[in-house]
């Protein structure tokens, strides 16, 4: 038997199909697109029509602000509007898009996973476990394989419930961050349309941009951040 097993393993090792399977398992997953335009399109395609309209409205506001500041600065003979846009507004818009994308993922997950269904599965499994334990006790036997299997299933169902709760909490947090970010960008655009102090406006935008980057770091560390992947 040992010789036959060794022979079979040797045959598999030389089999091209088997080698391809091993190579396929060792391959890293395809990386995310490095081209910013492709990454933008990938995130954009995931959004609902309402979120697409919401993002475009905010983006148009920022574009109007940049055009106005460029015209004002050209009259005053000052520069820096390109840095102001590239280092601040674009970064905030990118974060806003990522937040919309993250919420879409959470909404899709929650839309396809009903908490009531999981709770019903848990109740049914607990009843099955009670029946199996009573049967084992009546027969004077230790816990059977059936009871152990049901107990493990209950553990998995409870983990699913906890995951669902984390997704719900994450959805509330992401929604709040989306609303906050939208209000901050809108406020900056409104202020930028009326003030003549480009340096002060740039400083204010940079400050808010730094604050939003801190929020982005917090989201990257949360356990639900992988759900939309």
Foldseek 3Di string as FASTA:
>chain_A
DVVVVVVVVVVLVPDPVSVVVVVVVPDDPDDDDPPPVSNLVVLLVLADPVLNVVLVVLVVLVVVLLVVLVVLCVVVVHDDSVVLCVVFVVLLSVLLSVLRSQLSLLCVVPVVDDLVVLVVVLVVLVVVLVVQVVVCVVVVHPRDPVNVVSVVVNVVSVVVNVLNVLSVVVNVVSVVLSVVSSVVSVVLSVVSVPDSDPVVSSVVRNVVRVVVVVVVVVLVPDPCSPSSD
